[in-house]
C-alpha atoms as a PDB file:
ATOM      1  CA  THR A   1       1.464 133.507 172.601  1.00  0.00           C
ATOM      2  CA  TYR A   2       4.245 133.428 169.913  1.00  0.00           C
ATOM      3  CA  PHE A   3       4.888 132.030 166.547  1.00  0.00           C
ATOM      4  CA  VAL A   4       8.026 129.988 165.568  1.00  0.00           C
ATOM      5  CA  ASP A   5       9.131 128.841 162.024  1.00  0.00           C
ATOM      6  CA  PRO A   6      10.103 125.361 161.214  1.00  0.00           C
ATOM      7  CA  GLU A   7      13.556 125.515 162.420  1.00  0.00           C
ATOM      8  CA  ALA A   8      12.214 127.053 165.939  1.00  0.00           C
ATOM      9  CA  GLN A   9      13.296 130.699 165.306  1.00  0.00           C
ATOM     10  CA  PHE A  10      10.559 133.073 166.482  1.00  0.00           C
ATOM     11  CA  VAL A  11       8.672 134.937 164.015  1.00  0.00           C
ATOM     12  CA  GLY A  12       8.113 138.660 164.982  1.00  0.00           C
ATOM     13  CA  GLU A  13       7.750 139.680 168.795  1.00  0.00           C
ATOM     14  CA  VAL A  14       6.271 137.646 171.654  1.00  0.00           C
ATOM     15  CA  ALA A  15       2.786 138.603 172.986  1.00  0.00           C
ATOM     16  CA  SER A  16       2.618 140.308 176.239  1.00  0.00           C
ATOM     17  CA  ASP A  17       2.033 138.054 179.128  1.00  0.00           C
ATOM     18  CA  LYS A  18       0.273 140.693 180.734  1.00  0.00           C
ATOM     19  CA  GLU A  19      -2.501 141.914 178.399  1.00  0.00           C
ATOM     20  CA  THR A  20      -4.914 140.144 176.203  1.00  0.00           C
ATOM     21  CA  GLU A  21      -4.088 140.603 172.681  1.00  0.00           C
ATOM     22  CA  LEU A  22      -4.515 139.288 169.047  1.00  0.00           C
ATOM     23  CA  VAL A  23      -1.044 138.228 167.555  1.00  0.00           C
ATOM     24  CA  VAL A  24      -1.161 138.276 163.702  1.00  0.00           C
ATOM     25  CA  ARG A  25       2.048 137.403 161.658  1.00  0.00           C
ATOM     26  CA  ASP A  26       2.876 136.644 157.944  1.00  0.00           C
ATOM     27  CA  LEU A  27       4.525 133.457 157.531  1.00  0.00           C
ATOM     28  CA  ASP A  28       7.187 132.519 154.982  1.00  0.00           C
ATOM     29  CA  LEU A  29       5.273 129.780 152.834  1.00  0.00           C
ATOM     30  CA  ALA A  30       8.308 129.442 150.620  1.00  0.00           C
ATOM     31  CA  LYS A  31      10.457 128.612 153.868  1.00  0.00           C
ATOM     32  CA  LEU A  32       7.688 126.206 154.825  1.00  0.00           C
ATOM     33  CA  ARG A  33       7.769 124.178 151.356  1.00  0.00           C
ATOM     34  CA  GLU A  34      11.819 124.209 151.525  1.00  0.00           C
ATOM     35  CA  VAL A  35      11.438 122.712 155.170  1.00  0.00           C
ATOM     36  CA  ARG A  36       9.167 120.043 154.163  1.00  0.00           C
ATOM     37  CA  ASP A  37      11.233 119.104 151.296  1.00  0.00           C
ATOM     38  CA  ARG A  38      14.278 118.955 153.146  1.00  0.00           C
ATOM     39  CA  TRP A  39      12.836 116.958 156.337  1.00  0.00           C
ATOM     40  CA  GLN A  40      10.783 114.485 153.972  1.00  0.00           C
ATOM     41  CA  PHE A  41       8.179 113.612 156.684  1.00  0.00           C
ATOM     42  CA  TYR A  42       5.749 112.197 154.218  1.00  0.00           C
ATOM     43  CA  ARG A  43       8.275 109.923 152.488  1.00  0.00           C
ATOM     44  CA  ASP A  44       9.108 108.072 155.783  1.00  0.00           C
ATOM     45  CA  ARG A  45       5.632 107.515 156.817  1.00  0.00           C
ATOM     46  CA  ARG A  46       4.366 104.189 157.691  1.00  0.00           C
ATOM     47  CA  PRO A  47       0.249 104.178 157.554  1.00  0.00           C
ATOM     48  CA  ASP A  48       0.364 100.448 157.358  1.00  0.00           C
ATOM     49  CA  ALA A  49       1.856 100.354 160.760  1.00  0.00           C
ATOM     50  CA  TYR A  50      -0.821 102.638 162.270  1.00  0.00           C
ATOM     51  CA  PRO A  51      -3.640 100.371 163.089  1.00  0.00           C
ATOM     52  CA  PRO A  52      -1.690  98.043 165.812  1.00  0.00           C
ATOM     53  CA  LEU A  53      -0.891 101.467 167.518  1.00  0.00           C
ATOM     54  CA  THR A  54      -4.458 102.753 167.469  1.00  0.00           C
ATOM     55  CA  ALA A  55      -6.392  99.525 168.152  1.00  0.00           C
ATOM     56  CA  PRO A  56      -8.595  99.319 171.160  1.00  0.00           C
END
């Protein structure tokens, strides 16, 4: 198990692949907001195009 930030950089250490463990990490919420603003995923969404893609 591991955590990566929005720019695909590892956050903290990678969990062991030999033992069961619970991994807890602090995430930089300011960095998440900054990347969301820069990438603009929601700006380019086209919900009007979804029905043809999801119709049975």
